């Protein structure tokens, strides 16, 4: 075939199609009470509907999905996240990635002027992302950019398992209760102990007005019940005296993160971790000051909790 004919033949070839379903593996994490890893998938390439449906199912079944070795751009990160729903923009706009406001930089790195590049104390307390919003997050996708040589793990606690393990009398008692969630609950405390958090403007404070949600929420896709209170953002049981509210919340906070419900994720280079904020809480285990850590996070909007 001549060179001219060869080029003409190639020009009329149909575009490459995404790899067929079944070309990657979804494997439960060994020895963990929740979570699965995805092996052999490249999210920088097109993803067909059948493959995407497998990933959605894995997210619902395992609550935390670890996509290994994802060498994707911020735009590809955003585009993949958007397939699950609209993205929420974090109130701390100064930690947005340049030209990509959908991405929150989670980092302890400072620039040459000593200014933080990202939110360095994110995840200091157990929490569900954006539980303080009227429509809390469906899930968050955190992509490793620079990992420390030690530390930096993230813990995830299964809130379905936590609810299922409660005594039946306690389940009945908390079934009708609602609780307030506030972004400001521990903001000043965190701000006083670290350089990461700026003073909020009146406009930012208005953006994070408190929200009230059920103490026990029903997952909108699986129908499973889960505890939906957390030590970072939940401030009170609505309609209860302060002391009784605090006692009950402390009891539920402890029940939510029992060791048998927790998976500890040790990050590997280029991990993309996608967790279901309707099903889990998470906690940053901490990074030594001498170690650099940077990750990019997108957050998918969820439903009104029921």
Protein backbone atom coordinates (compact mmCIF):
# COMPACT_ATOMS: atom_id res chain seq x y z
CA UNK A 1 0.00 0.00 0.00
CA UNK A 2 1.44 3.40 -0.98
CA UNK A 3 2.09 6.04 1.65
CA UNK A 4 -0.73 8.17 0.23
CA UNK A 5 -3.21 5.30 0.36
CA UNK A 6 -2.01 4.35 3.82
CA UNK A 7 -2.66 7.86 5.16
CA UNK A 8 -6.07 7.95 3.46
CA UNK A 9 -6.95 4.56 4.96
CA UNK A 10 -5.98 5.73 8.45
CA UNK A 11 -7.97 8.94 8.06
CA UNK A 12 -11.16 6.96 7.44
CA UNK A 13 -10.72 4.61 10.39
CA UNK A 14 -13.39 5.02 13.10
CA UNK A 15 -12.21 6.66 16.32
CA UNK A 16 -10.83 4.42 19.02
CA UNK A 17 -13.51 3.10 21.35
CA UNK A 18 -13.19 2.79 25.11
CA UNK A 19 -12.00 -0.51 26.46
CA UNK A 20 -14.86 -3.00 26.97
CA UNK A 21 -16.36 -3.80 30.35
CA UNK A 22 -14.40 -6.38 32.29
CA UNK A 23 -11.00 -5.05 31.19
CA UNK A 24 -10.18 -3.86 34.72
CA UNK A 25 -10.45 -5.50 38.11
CA UNK A 26 -12.41 -4.35 41.15
CA UNK A 27 -11.00 -6.10 44.19
CA UNK A 28 -12.12 -5.76 47.84
CA UNK A 29 -9.30 -4.48 50.02
CA UNK A 30 -7.68 -7.41 51.80
CA UNK A 31 -8.33 -7.50 55.54
CA UNK A 32 -10.36 -4.27 55.53
CA UNK A 33 -13.98 -3.93 56.73
CA UNK A 34 -14.80 -1.75 53.71
CA UNK A 35 -13.27 -0.49 50.51
CA UNK A 36 -12.16 -1.84 47.14
CA UNK A 37 -9.36 -1.06 44.71
CA UNK A 38 -9.62 -0.68 40.96
CA UNK A 39 -6.71 -2.13 39.00
CA UNK A 40 -5.95 -1.84 35.30
CA UNK A 41 -8.12 1.21 34.60
CA UNK A 42 -6.80 4.43 33.03
CA UNK A 43 -9.16 7.32 33.75
CA UNK A 44 -7.36 9.51 31.24
CA UNK A 45 -9.03 7.44 28.49
CA UNK A 46 -12.73 7.33 27.55
CA UNK A 47 -14.94 5.27 29.86
CA UNK A 48 -17.94 3.55 28.34
CA UNK A 49 -21.35 3.39 30.11
CA UNK A 50 -20.98 -0.24 31.15
CA UNK A 51 -17.61 0.39 32.77
CA UNK A 52 -18.96 3.49 34.51
CA UNK A 53 -21.92 1.49 35.84
CA UNK A 54 -19.47 -1.04 37.34
CA UNK A 55 -17.68 1.77 39.14
CA UNK A 56 -20.94 3.24 40.45
CA UNK A 57 -21.93 -0.17 41.78
CA UNK A 58 -18.54 -0.64 43.45
CA UNK A 59 -18.87 2.77 45.10
CA UNK A 60 -22.26 1.81 46.56
CA UNK A 61 -21.15 -1.66 47.62
CA UNK A 62 -17.76 -0.78 49.13
CA UNK A 63 -18.17 2.92 50.11
CA UNK A 64 -14.50 3.68 49.42
CA UNK A 65 -12.98 2.98 46.00
CA UNK A 66 -9.24 3.33 45.37
CA UNK A 67 -8.24 3.89 41.75
CA UNK A 68 -4.58 2.94 41.54
CA UNK A 69 -1.93 4.77 39.50
CA UNK A 70 -4.11 7.49 37.95
CA UNK A 71 -1.90 9.90 36.01
CA UNK A 72 -4.68 12.33 35.18
CA UNK A 73 -4.82 16.07 34.73
CA UNK A 74 -6.95 18.34 36.92
CA UNK A 75 -9.40 18.69 34.01
CA UNK A 76 -9.72 14.91 33.69
CA UNK A 77 -10.19 14.68 37.47
CA UNK A 78 -13.02 17.23 37.26
CA UNK A 79 -14.64 15.63 34.22
CA UNK A 80 -14.69 12.18 35.83
CA UNK A 81 -16.08 13.60 39.07
CA UNK A 82 -18.87 15.38 37.20
CA UNK A 83 -20.18 12.09 35.86
CA UNK A 84 -21.48 11.44 39.38
CA UNK A 85 -23.23 14.80 39.74
CA UNK A 86 -22.74 18.57 40.08
CA UNK A 87 -19.60 19.65 41.90
CA UNK A 88 -19.58 21.77 45.04
CA UNK A 89 -17.13 24.64 45.51
CA UNK A 90 -15.46 24.89 48.91
CA UNK A 91 -15.95 28.10 50.89
CA UNK A 92 -12.17 28.65 51.23
CA UNK A 93 -11.67 30.06 47.73
CA UNK A 94 -8.03 30.93 48.41
CA UNK A 95 -7.19 27.21 48.31
CA UNK A 96 -8.72 26.58 44.91
CA UNK A 97 -6.42 25.30 42.17
CA UNK A 98 -5.70 28.10 39.69
CA UNK A 99 -8.16 28.02 36.78
CA UNK A 100 -9.94 25.04 38.35
CA UNK A 101 -12.22 26.29 41.18
CA UNK A 102 -13.78 22.83 41.48
CA UNK A 103 -10.53 21.54 43.01
CA UNK A 104 -9.61 22.20 46.63
CA UNK A 105 -5.88 21.90 47.33
CA UNK A 106 -5.22 19.84 50.46
CA UNK A 107 -1.60 20.48 51.36
CA UNK A 108 0.82 21.41 54.13
CA UNK A 109 3.26 23.04 51.69
CA UNK A 110 4.03 26.77 51.86
CA UNK A 111 5.29 28.98 49.06
CA UNK A 112 8.51 31.01 49.14
CA UNK A 113 6.73 33.81 50.99
CA UNK A 114 5.59 31.41 53.70
CA UNK A 115 1.97 31.34 52.56
CA UNK A 116 0.12 28.00 52.54
CA UNK A 117 -0.66 26.54 49.12
CA UNK A 118 -3.61 24.56 50.40
CA UNK A 119 -5.67 23.58 53.41
CA UNK A 120 -3.09 21.92 55.60
CA UNK A 121 -5.28 20.84 58.52
CA UNK A 122 -8.14 19.31 56.51
CA UNK A 123 -9.62 16.25 58.18
CA UNK A 124 -8.33 16.98 61.69
CA UNK A 125 -11.58 15.63 63.19
CA UNK A 126 -13.80 12.77 62.08
CA UNK A 127 -16.36 14.12 59.62
CA UNK A 128 -18.46 13.70 56.50
CA UNK A 129 -17.56 16.32 53.89
CA UNK A 130 -19.95 19.25 53.72
CA UNK A 131 -22.47 17.75 56.15
CA UNK A 132 -23.08 21.39 57.13
CA UNK A 133 -24.65 22.13 53.71
CA UNK A 134 -28.35 21.84 52.95
CA UNK A 135 -27.36 19.28 50.30
CA UNK A 136 -24.34 17.51 51.77
CA UNK A 137 -21.81 15.81 49.57
CA UNK A 138 -22.52 12.57 47.71
CA UNK A 139 -18.83 11.83 47.67
CA UNK A 140 -15.31 13.22 47.45
CA UNK A 141 -12.50 12.32 45.06
CA UNK A 142 -8.99 12.94 46.40
CA UNK A 143 -6.02 12.59 44.03
CA UNK A 144 -2.46 12.23 45.33
CA UNK A 145 0.00 14.76 43.89
CA UNK A 146 2.87 14.65 46.38
CA UNK A 147 3.05 12.19 49.25
CA UNK A 148 5.13 12.25 52.44
CA UNK A 149 7.76 9.64 53.18
CA UNK A 150 5.94 8.92 56.43
CA UNK A 151 2.47 9.63 57.77
CA UNK A 152 -0.35 11.08 55.73
CA UNK A 153 -2.78 8.13 56.03
CA UNK A 154 -6.56 8.63 55.84
CA UNK A 155 -9.02 6.65 57.98
CA UNK A 156 -12.56 5.75 56.87
CA UNK A 157 -15.35 4.53 59.18
CA UNK A 158 -18.41 2.65 57.89
CA UNK A 159 -21.53 4.40 59.18
CA UNK A 160 -23.92 1.66 58.03
CA UNK A 161 -22.04 -0.87 60.14
CA UNK A 162 -21.95 1.61 63.03
CA UNK A 163 -25.71 2.07 62.90
CA UNK A 164 -26.40 -1.66 62.55
CA UNK A 165 -24.35 -2.37 65.69
CA UNK A 166 -26.34 -0.01 67.92
CA UNK A 167 -28.69 -1.54 70.52
CA UNK A 168 -32.26 -1.72 69.25
CA UNK A 169 -33.51 0.56 72.03
CA UNK A 170 -31.00 3.23 71.00
CA UNK A 171 -31.99 2.88 67.35
CA UNK A 172 -35.61 3.52 68.28
CA UNK A 173 -34.67 6.50 70.45
CA UNK A 174 -32.65 8.28 67.77
CA UNK A 175 -34.91 7.43 64.82
CA UNK A 176 -36.95 10.69 64.94
CA UNK A 177 -34.11 12.99 65.99
CA UNK A 178 -32.52 15.75 63.96
CA UNK A 179 -29.19 17.46 64.52
CA UNK A 180 -27.61 20.75 63.53
CA UNK A 181 -24.38 20.82 61.51
CA UNK A 182 -22.20 23.92 61.30
CA UNK A 183 -18.97 24.63 59.43
CA UNK A 184 -18.10 27.11 62.16
CA UNK A 185 -18.33 24.55 64.98
CA UNK A 186 -14.57 24.11 65.34
CA UNK A 187 -13.30 26.69 62.86
CA UNK A 188 -11.86 29.18 65.32
CA UNK A 189 -10.31 26.41 67.39
CA UNK A 190 -8.49 25.10 64.30
CA UNK A 191 -7.58 28.60 63.20
CA UNK A 192 -5.99 29.35 66.56
CA UNK A 193 -3.68 26.36 66.41
CA UNK A 194 -2.52 26.50 62.77
CA UNK A 195 -1.75 28.98 59.96
CA UNK A 196 -3.94 27.28 57.40
CA UNK A 197 -7.32 28.86 58.00
CA UNK A 198 -7.97 32.51 57.18
CA UNK A 199 -10.49 34.65 58.99
CA UNK A 200 -13.85 34.21 57.26
CA UNK A 201 -15.59 37.16 55.68
CA UNK A 202 -19.27 37.89 56.39
CA UNK A 203 -20.04 36.61 52.89
CA UNK A 204 -18.27 33.31 53.60
CA UNK A 205 -20.08 32.93 56.91
CA UNK A 206 -23.39 33.44 55.15
CA UNK A 207 -22.38 30.77 52.60
CA UNK A 208 -22.01 28.17 55.34
CA UNK A 209 -25.16 28.81 57.37
CA UNK A 210 -25.97 25.83 59.65
CA UNK A 211 -28.13 23.00 58.31
CA UNK A 212 -30.32 20.48 60.13
CA UNK A 213 -30.33 16.80 59.12
CA UNK A 214 -31.64 13.49 60.47
CA UNK A 215 -29.39 11.77 63.00
CA UNK A 216 -30.03 8.57 61.04
CA UNK A 217 -30.14 9.04 57.28
CA UNK A 218 -31.37 6.63 54.63
CA UNK A 219 -29.03 6.22 51.68
CA UNK A 220 -30.92 7.48 48.60
CA UNK A 221 -29.55 4.73 46.32
CA UNK A 222 -29.26 1.64 48.53
CA UNK A 223 -31.93 2.34 51.16
CA UNK A 224 -29.50 1.43 53.95
CA UNK A 225 -29.52 3.41 57.19
CA UNK A 226 -26.43 5.11 58.54
CA UNK A 227 -25.45 7.37 61.40
CA UNK A 228 -25.16 10.94 60.17
CA UNK A 229 -23.53 12.89 62.99
CA UNK A 230 -19.84 13.72 63.26
CA UNK A 231 -17.53 15.32 65.80
CA UNK A 232 -16.32 18.09 63.48
CA UNK A 233 -19.57 19.65 62.30
CA UNK A 234 -22.49 18.34 64.41
CA UNK A 235 -23.27 20.84 67.17
CA UNK A 236 -26.51 19.77 68.86
CA UNK A 237 -29.61 17.60 68.86
CA UNK A 238 -32.47 19.88 67.91
CA UNK A 239 -34.96 20.43 70.75
CA UNK A 240 -32.85 18.77 73.46
CA UNK A 241 -31.28 20.39 76.53
CA UNK A 242 -27.62 21.18 75.94
CA UNK A 243 -26.23 18.65 78.44
CA UNK A 244 -28.40 15.79 77.19
CA UNK A 245 -27.63 16.68 73.60
CA UNK A 246 -23.90 16.65 74.27
CA UNK A 247 -24.05 13.31 76.11
CA UNK A 248 -25.94 11.62 73.29
CA UNK A 249 -23.70 13.07 70.60
CA UNK A 250 -20.57 11.94 72.43
CA UNK A 251 -22.01 8.45 72.67
CA UNK A 252 -22.81 8.40 68.94
CA UNK A 253 -19.45 9.90 67.96
CA UNK A 254 -17.71 7.04 69.75
CA UNK A 255 -20.04 4.41 68.30
CA UNK A 256 -19.42 5.74 64.79
CA UNK A 257 -15.67 5.11 64.73
CA UNK A 258 -15.15 1.83 66.55
CA UNK A 259 -11.96 0.17 65.26
CA UNK A 260 -13.80 -2.76 63.67
CA UNK A 261 -15.56 -0.32 61.30
CA UNK A 262 -12.40 1.52 60.19
CA UNK A 263 -10.19 1.14 57.12
CA UNK A 264 -6.82 2.93 57.21
CA UNK A 265 -5.67 4.00 53.76
CA UNK A 266 -1.90 4.19 53.24
CA UNK A 267 -1.54 6.30 50.12
CA UNK A 268 0.37 5.10 47.07
CA UNK A 269 1.64 7.42 44.31
CA UNK A 270 -1.15 8.64 42.01
CA UNK A 271 -3.97 7.07 44.04
CA UNK A 272 -7.40 8.56 43.39
CA UNK A 273 -9.71 7.74 46.31
CA UNK A 274 -13.47 8.16 45.92
CA UNK A 275 -15.53 7.80 49.09
CA UNK A 276 -19.26 7.99 49.77
CA UNK A 277 -19.95 10.76 52.31
CA UNK A 278 -23.42 9.29 52.86
CA UNK A 279 -21.86 6.03 54.07
CA UNK A 280 -18.57 6.89 55.77
CA UNK A 281 -16.78 9.42 57.91
CA UNK A 282 -13.08 10.06 57.45
CA UNK A 283 -10.11 11.41 59.39
CA UNK A 284 -6.62 12.56 58.43
CA UNK A 285 -4.10 10.65 60.53
CA UNK A 286 -1.59 13.50 60.34
CA UNK A 287 1.67 14.29 58.56
CA UNK A 288 4.97 15.26 60.24
CA UNK A 289 5.86 18.93 59.74
CA UNK A 290 9.05 17.90 57.95
CA UNK A 291 7.13 15.97 55.28
CA UNK A 292 5.45 17.50 52.21
CA UNK A 293 1.93 16.43 51.22
CA UNK A 294 -0.33 17.69 48.43
CA UNK A 295 -3.60 16.29 47.10
CA UNK A 296 -6.41 17.62 44.91
CA UNK A 297 -10.05 17.18 45.97
CA UNK A 298 -13.33 17.46 44.13
CA UNK A 299 -16.67 17.11 45.91
CA UNK A 300 -19.90 15.86 44.32
CA UNK A 301 -23.19 17.34 45.52
CA UNK A 302 -25.70 14.94 47.05
CA UNK A 303 -29.38 14.90 47.99
CA UNK A 304 -31.39 16.30 50.86
CA UNK A 305 -30.82 13.76 53.65
CA UNK A 306 -33.84 11.64 54.57
